[in-house]
N, C-alpha and C. Protein backbone atom coordinates (compact mmCIF):
# COMPACT_ATOMS: atom_id res chain seq x y z
N MET A 1 0.87 -1.23 0.14
CA MET A 1 0.03 -0.08 0.10
C MET A 1 0.66 1.22 0.08
N ASP A 2 0.49 2.30 -0.84
CA ASP A 2 0.99 3.41 -0.91
C ASP A 2 0.54 4.37 0.01
N PRO A 3 1.52 5.11 0.91
CA PRO A 3 1.01 5.90 2.00
C PRO A 3 0.54 7.12 1.65
N ASP A 4 1.09 7.26 0.39
CA ASP A 4 0.65 8.98 -0.04
C ASP A 4 -0.81 8.87 -0.59
N GLU A 5 -1.15 7.53 -0.80
CA GLU A 5 -2.90 7.45 -1.54
C GLU A 5 -3.67 7.85 -0.55
N PRO A 6 -4.68 8.29 -0.90
CA PRO A 6 -5.55 8.85 0.39
C PRO A 6 -6.41 7.76 0.60
N THR A 7 -6.73 6.66 -0.20
CA THR A 7 -7.65 5.54 0.17
C THR A 7 -6.79 4.17 -0.63
N HIS A 8 -6.93 3.43 0.40
CA HIS A 8 -6.34 1.91 0.52
C HIS A 8 -7.72 0.75 0.57
N ARG A 9 -7.37 -0.08 -0.29
CA ARG A 9 -8.12 -1.17 0.24
C ARG A 9 -7.36 -2.48 0.08
N THR A 10 -8.22 -3.31 0.96
CA THR A 10 -7.54 -4.57 1.01
C THR A 10 -8.55 -5.61 1.36
N HIS A 11 -8.50 -6.71 1.47
CA HIS A 11 -9.62 -7.99 1.70
C HIS A 11 -9.07 -8.82 2.98
N HIS A 12 -10.26 -9.08 3.80
CA HIS A 12 -9.84 -10.03 4.90
C HIS A 12 -10.35 -11.41 4.44
N ASP A 13 -9.46 -12.36 4.56
CA ASP A 13 -9.73 -13.66 4.50
C ASP A 13 -10.57 -14.53 5.47
N TRP A 14 -11.96 -14.71 5.37
CA TRP A 14 -12.56 -15.08 6.32
C TRP A 14 -12.17 -16.68 6.66
N SER A 15 -11.84 -17.24 5.44
CA SER A 15 -11.52 -18.75 5.76
C SER A 15 -10.03 -18.70 6.20
N GLY A 16 -9.14 -17.49 6.66
CA GLY A 16 -8.09 -17.66 7.14
C GLY A 16 -7.96 -17.90 8.84
N ASP A 17 -6.90 -17.83 9.44
CA ASP A 17 -6.53 -18.42 10.71
C ASP A 17 -6.57 -16.85 11.20
N VAL A 18 -6.32 -15.52 10.57
CA VAL A 18 -6.59 -14.39 11.19
C VAL A 18 -7.66 -13.89 11.39
N ASN A 19 -8.02 -13.23 12.61
CA ASN A 19 -9.35 -12.50 13.05
C ASN A 19 -9.21 -11.31 12.17
N LEU A 20 -10.32 -10.77 12.04
CA LEU A 20 -10.97 -9.71 11.41
C LEU A 20 -9.99 -8.51 11.60
N GLY A 21 -10.42 -8.23 13.14
CA GLY A 21 -9.91 -7.26 13.94
C GLY A 21 -8.15 -7.00 13.67
N TYR A 22 -7.66 -8.23 13.45
CA TYR A 22 -6.11 -8.27 13.36
C TYR A 22 -5.74 -7.87 11.68
N SER A 23 -6.67 -8.16 10.83
CA SER A 23 -6.71 -7.85 9.41
C SER A 23 -6.76 -6.11 9.32
N VAL A 24 -7.69 -5.62 9.86
CA VAL A 24 -7.53 -4.35 9.99
C VAL A 24 -6.39 -3.65 10.77
N VAL A 25 -6.07 -4.25 11.79
CA VAL A 25 -4.53 -3.50 12.41
C VAL A 25 -3.30 -3.82 11.42
N ILE A 26 -3.46 -4.97 10.62
CA ILE A 26 -2.25 -5.30 9.77
C ILE A 26 -2.60 -4.13 8.47
N ALA A 27 -3.48 -3.92 8.20
CA ALA A 27 -3.68 -2.69 6.99
C ALA A 27 -3.49 -1.57 7.37
N LEU A 28 -3.95 -1.01 8.78
CA LEU A 28 -3.63 0.29 9.24
C LEU A 28 -2.12 0.27 9.28
N SER A 29 -1.26 -0.69 9.61
CA SER A 29 0.31 -0.67 10.04
C SER A 29 0.70 -0.56 8.61
N ALA A 30 0.30 -1.28 7.66
CA ALA A 30 0.97 -0.64 6.10
C ALA A 30 0.81 0.54 5.68
N VAL A 31 -0.22 1.15 5.59
CA VAL A 31 -0.43 2.60 5.43
C VAL A 31 0.45 3.38 6.24
N THR A 32 0.39 3.25 7.61
CA THR A 32 0.87 4.20 8.65
C THR A 32 2.62 3.79 8.84
N GLY A 33 2.87 2.82 8.38
CA GLY A 33 4.39 2.55 8.25
C GLY A 33 4.89 2.25 9.61
N ARG A 34 3.80 1.89 10.43
CA ARG A 34 4.25 1.64 11.77
C ARG A 34 4.05 0.11 12.17
N GLU A 35 4.74 -0.57 12.84
CA GLU A 35 4.39 -2.10 13.38
C GLU A 35 2.89 -1.89 14.21
N PRO A 36 2.53 -3.04 13.91
CA PRO A 36 0.99 -3.26 14.53
C PRO A 36 1.11 -2.79 16.07
N ASP A 37 1.97 -3.26 16.80
CA ASP A 37 2.12 -3.21 18.25
C ASP A 37 2.62 -1.68 18.51
N ARG A 38 2.64 -0.70 17.67
CA ARG A 38 3.05 0.76 18.03
C ARG A 38 1.84 1.54 17.54
N LEU A 39 0.89 0.72 17.26
CA LEU A 39 -0.49 1.43 16.94
C LEU A 39 -1.41 1.67 18.12
N ARG A 40 -2.35 2.65 18.21
CA ARG A 40 -3.13 2.72 19.37
C ARG A 40 -3.85 1.18 19.11
N PRO A 41 -4.28 0.63 20.31
CA PRO A 41 -5.27 -0.49 20.47
C PRO A 41 -6.50 0.00 19.72
N LEU A 42 -7.01 -1.16 18.92
CA LEU A 42 -8.20 -1.18 18.00
C LEU A 42 -9.25 -1.00 19.21
N PHE A 43 -9.26 -1.76 20.50
CA PHE A 43 -10.27 -1.75 21.09
C PHE A 43 -10.61 -0.64 21.68
N GLU A 44 -9.76 0.56 21.65
CA GLU A 44 -10.01 1.81 22.07
C GLU A 44 -11.01 2.54 21.10
N THR A 45 -11.20 1.64 19.88
CA THR A 45 -12.18 2.95 18.93
C THR A 45 -13.19 2.10 19.02
N VAL A 46 -13.05 0.49 18.64
CA VAL A 46 -14.45 -0.53 18.46
C VAL A 46 -14.01 -1.81 18.92
N ASP A 47 -15.10 -2.80 19.50
CA ASP A 47 -14.67 -3.78 20.08
C ASP A 47 -14.52 -4.95 18.76
N PRO A 48 -13.12 -5.28 18.70
CA PRO A 48 -13.05 -6.05 17.75
C PRO A 48 -14.02 -7.58 17.68
N GLU A 49 -13.94 -8.21 18.95
CA GLU A 49 -14.86 -9.19 18.93
C GLU A 49 -16.34 -8.82 18.42
N GLN A 50 -17.09 -7.55 18.58
CA GLN A 50 -18.36 -7.45 17.99
C GLN A 50 -18.07 -7.08 16.82
N LEU A 51 -17.39 -6.70 16.19
CA LEU A 51 -16.97 -6.26 14.86
C LEU A 51 -16.76 -7.55 14.16
N GLU A 52 -16.17 -8.57 14.53
CA GLU A 52 -16.31 -9.87 14.03
C GLU A 52 -17.38 -10.48 14.02
N ALA A 53 -18.36 -10.88 15.29
CA ALA A 53 -19.58 -11.23 15.29
C ALA A 53 -20.56 -10.65 14.34
N LEU A 54 -20.58 -9.18 14.09
CA LEU A 54 -21.36 -8.51 13.27
C LEU A 54 -21.31 -9.03 11.82
N LEU A 55 -19.70 -9.12 11.58
CA LEU A 55 -19.74 -9.25 9.93
C LEU A 55 -19.24 -10.61 9.48
N THR A 56 -19.29 -11.59 10.48
CA THR A 56 -18.94 -13.02 9.82
C THR A 56 -20.02 -13.36 8.72
N PRO A 57 -19.38 -13.98 7.71
CA PRO A 57 -20.31 -14.55 6.75
C PRO A 57 -21.20 -15.21 7.21
N TRP A 58 -22.31 -15.39 6.85
CA TRP A 58 -23.58 -16.27 7.28
C TRP A 58 -23.54 -17.74 6.61
N ARG A 59 -22.88 -18.05 5.73
CA ARG A 59 -22.97 -19.24 4.83
C ARG A 59 -21.18 -19.67 4.77
N PRO A 60 -21.13 -20.74 4.65
CA PRO A 60 -19.86 -21.07 4.06
C PRO A 60 -19.60 -20.41 2.43
N GLY A 61 -18.20 -20.26 2.64
CA GLY A 61 -17.61 -19.61 1.37
C GLY A 61 -17.14 -18.14 1.41
N GLY A 62 -17.84 -17.57 2.74
CA GLY A 62 -17.44 -16.04 3.17
C GLY A 62 -18.15 -15.00 2.44
N ARG A 63 -19.30 -15.10 1.97
CA ARG A 63 -20.11 -14.14 1.28
C ARG A 63 -21.46 -14.04 1.91
N ARG A 64 -21.85 -12.94 1.91
CA ARG A 64 -23.26 -12.46 2.34
C ARG A 64 -24.14 -12.05 1.15
N ASP A 65 -25.10 -12.77 0.67
CA ASP A 65 -25.72 -12.52 -0.57
C ASP A 65 -27.07 -11.85 -0.23
N ASP A 66 -27.74 -11.90 1.03
CA ASP A 66 -28.85 -11.01 1.40
C ASP A 66 -28.77 -9.82 2.01
N ALA A 67 -27.69 -9.18 2.35
CA ALA A 67 -27.72 -7.96 2.90
C ALA A 67 -26.25 -7.31 3.04
N ARG A 68 -25.88 -6.26 2.90
CA ARG A 68 -24.48 -5.54 2.73
C ARG A 68 -24.48 -5.02 4.03
N VAL A 69 -23.78 -5.17 5.02
CA VAL A 69 -23.70 -4.88 6.47
C VAL A 69 -22.10 -4.22 6.31
N GLU A 70 -21.85 -3.00 6.82
CA GLU A 70 -20.79 -2.31 7.02
C GLU A 70 -20.39 -1.57 8.41
N VAL A 71 -19.66 -1.53 8.90
CA VAL A 71 -18.94 -0.76 9.99
C VAL A 71 -18.36 0.21 9.82
N GLU A 72 -18.26 1.57 10.15
CA GLU A 72 -17.17 2.71 9.69
C GLU A 72 -17.06 3.19 10.88
N PHE A 73 -15.38 3.73 11.38
CA PHE A 73 -15.06 4.03 12.72
C PHE A 73 -13.70 4.83 11.92
N GLU A 74 -13.06 5.99 13.00
CA GLU A 74 -11.99 6.32 12.73
C GLU A 74 -11.10 5.88 13.68
N HIS A 75 -9.72 5.66 13.29
CA HIS A 75 -8.80 5.11 13.89
C HIS A 75 -7.53 5.45 13.52
N GLU A 76 -6.49 5.98 14.01
CA GLU A 76 -4.97 6.16 13.61
C GLU A 76 -5.20 7.13 12.42
N GLY A 77 -5.86 8.07 12.26
CA GLY A 77 -5.91 9.17 11.34
C GLY A 77 -6.86 8.61 9.80
N TYR A 78 -7.47 7.55 9.88
CA TYR A 78 -8.23 7.10 8.88
C TYR A 78 -9.27 6.63 9.15
N ARG A 79 -10.46 6.98 8.34
CA ARG A 79 -11.88 6.39 8.27
C ARG A 79 -11.55 5.03 7.98
N VAL A 80 -11.99 3.88 8.67
CA VAL A 80 -12.14 2.84 8.58
C VAL A 80 -13.46 1.99 8.04
N ARG A 81 -13.53 1.30 7.16
CA ARG A 81 -14.67 0.85 6.58
C ARG A 81 -14.53 -0.57 6.42
N VAL A 82 -15.40 -1.73 7.26
CA VAL A 82 -15.09 -3.07 7.02
C VAL A 82 -16.53 -3.50 6.43
N ASP A 83 -16.83 -4.09 5.58
CA ASP A 83 -18.13 -5.03 5.45
C ASP A 83 -18.17 -6.58 5.46
N GLY A 84 -19.14 -7.05 5.10
CA GLY A 84 -19.50 -8.26 5.51
C GLY A 84 -19.14 -9.42 4.33
N THR A 85 -18.28 -8.33 3.15
CA THR A 85 -17.69 -9.31 2.36
C THR A 85 -16.08 -9.28 2.37
N GLY A 86 -15.84 -8.66 3.51
CA GLY A 86 -14.54 -8.74 4.20
C GLY A 86 -13.63 -7.52 3.66
N GLU A 87 -14.31 -6.82 2.72
CA GLU A 87 -13.44 -5.73 2.19
C GLU A 87 -13.24 -4.66 3.30
N ILE A 88 -11.79 -4.15 3.19
CA ILE A 88 -11.51 -3.06 4.46
C ILE A 88 -11.29 -2.02 3.71
N THR A 89 -11.66 -0.76 3.71
CA THR A 89 -11.31 0.11 3.13
C THR A 89 -10.72 1.37 4.11
N LEU A 90 -9.65 1.96 3.90
CA LEU A 90 -8.80 3.17 4.81
C LEU A 90 -8.77 4.31 4.01
N ARG A 91 -9.20 5.17 4.60
CA ARG A 91 -9.55 6.59 3.85
C ARG A 91 -8.67 7.52 4.82
N ARG A 92 -7.67 8.19 4.35
CA ARG A 92 -6.99 8.98 5.10
C ARG A 92 -7.97 10.25 5.10
N LEU A 93 -8.24 11.01 6.42
CA LEU A 93 -8.75 11.83 7.03
C LEU A 93 -7.84 13.25 6.53
N ASP A 94 -8.81 14.02 6.27
CA ASP A 94 -8.02 15.38 6.08
C ASP A 94 -7.24 15.81 7.20
N GLY A 95 -6.15 16.20 7.00
CA GLY A 95 -5.41 17.06 8.32
C GLY A 95 -4.93 15.68 8.87
N GLY A 96 -5.29 14.48 8.54
CA GLY A 96 -4.98 13.25 9.71
C GLY A 96 -3.31 13.10 9.28
N THR A 97 -2.75 12.64 10.35
CA THR A 97 -1.62 11.80 10.24
C THR A 97 -1.36 10.46 10.33
N ASP A 98 -0.22 9.77 10.30
CA ASP A 98 -0.14 8.49 10.55
C ASP A 98 -0.04 8.16 12.41
N GLY A 99 0.02 9.47 13.01
CA GLY A 99 -0.09 9.63 14.36
C GLY A 99 -1.30 9.70 15.21
N GLY A 100 -2.13 9.32 14.47
CA GLY A 100 -3.76 9.08 15.05
C GLY A 100 -4.41 10.39 15.01
N GLU A 101 -3.92 11.54 14.49
CA GLU A 101 -4.85 12.51 14.42
C GLU A 101 -5.91 12.62 13.64
N THR A 102 -7.26 13.07 13.70
CA THR A 102 -8.10 13.13 13.12
C THR A 102 -8.36 14.64 12.56
N ASP A 103 -9.33 14.81 11.54
CA ASP A 103 -9.51 16.22 11.13
C ASP A 103 -10.68 16.93 12.15
N GLY A 104 -10.83 16.12 13.41
CA GLY A 104 -11.50 17.22 14.65
C GLY A 104 -13.18 17.24 14.00
N GLY A 105 -13.55 16.75 12.92
CA GLY A 105 -14.93 16.74 12.55
C GLY A 105 -15.89 16.11 13.47
N ASP A 106 -17.06 15.81 12.96
CA ASP A 106 -18.44 15.63 13.80
C ASP A 106 -18.49 14.21 13.73
N ALA A 107 -17.72 13.29 13.07
CA ALA A 107 -17.79 11.74 13.09
C ALA A 107 -17.69 11.20 14.72
N PRO A 108 -18.50 10.23 15.11
CA PRO A 108 -18.38 9.71 16.08
C PRO A 108 -17.15 8.95 16.01
N SER A 109 -16.47 8.59 17.46
CA SER A 109 -15.49 8.08 17.82
C SER A 109 -15.80 6.50 18.00
N ASP A 110 -17.08 6.34 18.26
CA ASP A 110 -17.44 4.71 18.11
C ASP A 110 -17.92 4.20 16.48
N GLY A 111 -17.93 3.14 16.31
CA GLY A 111 -18.20 2.88 14.95
C GLY A 111 -19.86 3.14 14.50
N GLU A 112 -19.99 3.04 13.51
CA GLU A 112 -21.30 3.23 12.82
C GLU A 112 -21.74 2.14 12.15
N VAL A 113 -22.80 1.34 12.14
CA VAL A 113 -23.27 0.40 11.34
C VAL A 113 -24.37 0.68 10.61
N ARG A 114 -24.22 0.37 9.24
CA ARG A 114 -25.10 0.43 8.08
C ARG A 114 -25.58 -1.01 7.59
N GLY A 115 -26.64 -1.13 7.25
CA GLY A 115 -27.04 -2.19 6.83
C GLY A 115 -28.17 -2.02 5.58
N ASP A 116 -28.09 -2.87 4.49
CA ASP A 116 -29.19 -2.92 3.72
C ASP A 116 -29.82 -4.13 3.30
N GLY A 117 -31.24 -4.30 3.21
CA GLY A 117 -31.49 -5.42 3.10
C GLY A 117 -33.01 -5.76 4.04
């Protein structure tokens, strides 16, 4: 991932051994250039276990066919969006840095949940 790009996308492998929260941390580590243990803990922003429980696919194969559920939150200067397909999108916040500063906007510090269906 190129840290100079404002938006980054990666994908969580639901069939793998890594949990969703750690996939988010690895993606943030890649864009900030910092080791995962040098980032602010994810649980300070969103509960990783609840994130996984909410987004885990409903059927084998890792895809949700009947609804698109996504969670958005701010962490380490990025707007993080994770959806039920496993897509992780990181969008650098205006004025944000890799040090965890945000743009000071009105976005909540806890996650937002959206769903269609």
